[in-house]
Amino acid sequence: MSGTTRITVTLPTEQVDELRTMTDNISGYVAEAVARQIRHRLMEKDLLRYQEEHGAFTEEELAAARAELFDMPEAADTAAAA
């Protein structure tokens, strides 16, 4: 298990109120949100690097990726037909 560091974060009162209705573990919720943002940023960098090496993604590739990510088989079928 990795270590933790205690920090103070200031959020708008309305957000804190909403968070409290969603979870009893605000620290865990925020940690999960930060981890998700870090994964998104790393994925974005990887995708940009791939496109620099191999060229831009085609519409068919993008449609297939969306279908895979969002579990939309009909989008993959549309991409395959194009």
Protein backbone atom coordinates (compact mmCIF):
# COMPACT_ATOMS: atom_id res chain seq x y z
CA MET A 1 0.00 0.00 0.00
CA SER A 2 1.32 3.44 -0.86
CA GLY A 3 1.80 6.15 1.73
CA THR A 4 -0.54 9.04 2.19
CA THR A 5 -0.04 12.73 2.83
CA ARG A 6 -2.55 14.88 4.62
CA ILE A 7 -3.41 18.10 2.80
CA THR A 8 -6.09 20.75 3.11
CA VAL A 9 -8.39 21.36 0.18
CA THR A 10 -10.86 24.21 -0.02
CA LEU A 11 -14.08 23.49 -1.89
CA PRO A 12 -17.28 25.45 -2.36
CA THR A 13 -19.79 24.70 0.40
CA GLU A 14 -22.33 23.39 -2.11
CA GLN A 15 -19.84 20.81 -3.38
CA VAL A 16 -19.03 19.65 0.14
CA ASP A 17 -22.73 19.36 0.94
CA GLU A 18 -23.27 17.27 -2.20
CA LEU A 19 -20.22 15.12 -1.46
CA ARG A 20 -21.58 14.34 1.99
CA THR A 21 -24.78 13.02 0.42
CA MET A 22 -22.74 10.78 -1.88
CA THR A 23 -20.17 9.30 0.50
CA ASP A 24 -19.04 9.04 4.09
CA ASN A 25 -15.42 8.91 2.90
CA ILE A 26 -14.71 12.25 1.27
CA SER A 27 -10.95 11.66 1.29
CA GLY A 28 -11.36 8.36 -0.55
CA TYR A 29 -13.77 9.92 -3.02
CA VAL A 30 -11.39 12.80 -3.76
CA ALA A 31 -8.41 10.42 -4.02
CA GLU A 32 -10.35 8.33 -6.57
CA ALA A 33 -11.25 11.46 -8.57
CA VAL A 34 -7.61 12.61 -8.60
CA ALA A 35 -6.42 9.15 -9.67
CA ARG A 36 -8.96 9.17 -12.52
CA GLN A 37 -7.72 12.59 -13.69
CA ILE A 38 -4.11 11.37 -13.60
CA ARG A 39 -5.06 8.30 -15.69
CA HIS A 40 -6.85 10.53 -18.19
CA ARG A 41 -3.84 12.81 -18.52
CA LEU A 42 -1.47 9.86 -19.02
CA MET A 43 -3.81 8.34 -21.60
CA GLU A 44 -4.02 11.66 -23.43
CA LYS A 45 -0.22 11.88 -23.57
CA ASP A 46 0.01 8.30 -24.86
CA LEU A 47 -2.61 8.95 -27.54
CA LEU A 48 -0.88 12.13 -28.69
CA ARG A 49 2.47 10.33 -28.85
CA TYR A 50 0.89 7.51 -30.87
CA GLN A 51 -0.61 9.98 -33.35
CA GLU A 52 2.71 11.77 -33.72
CA GLU A 53 4.32 8.46 -34.69
CA HIS A 54 1.50 6.92 -36.76
CA GLY A 55 -0.71 9.79 -37.93
CA ALA A 56 -4.14 10.93 -36.84
CA PHE A 57 -6.80 8.40 -35.96
CA THR A 58 -9.37 7.74 -38.66
CA GLU A 59 -13.09 8.19 -38.00
CA GLU A 60 -13.43 4.41 -38.10
CA GLU A 61 -10.74 3.97 -35.44
CA LEU A 62 -12.35 6.63 -33.25
CA ALA A 63 -15.79 5.01 -33.59
CA ALA A 64 -14.36 1.59 -32.70
CA ALA A 65 -12.58 3.05 -29.68
CA ARG A 66 -15.75 4.77 -28.48
CA ALA A 67 -17.67 1.53 -28.85
CA GLU A 68 -15.04 -0.31 -26.82
CA LEU A 69 -14.84 2.35 -24.12
CA PHE A 70 -18.55 2.91 -23.76
CA ASP A 71 -19.66 -0.66 -24.52
CA MET A 72 -21.66 0.36 -27.58
CA PRO A 73 -21.54 -2.58 -30.03
CA GLU A 74 -23.66 -0.73 -32.59
CA ALA A 75 -20.96 1.96 -32.89
CA ALA A 76 -18.38 -0.71 -33.67
CA ASP A 77 -20.70 -2.20 -36.30
CA THR A 78 -21.10 1.23 -37.90
CA ALA A 79 -17.32 1.72 -37.93
CA ALA A 80 -16.78 -1.69 -39.52
CA ALA A 81 -19.32 -0.96 -42.22
CA ALA A 82 -17.69 2.36 -43.16
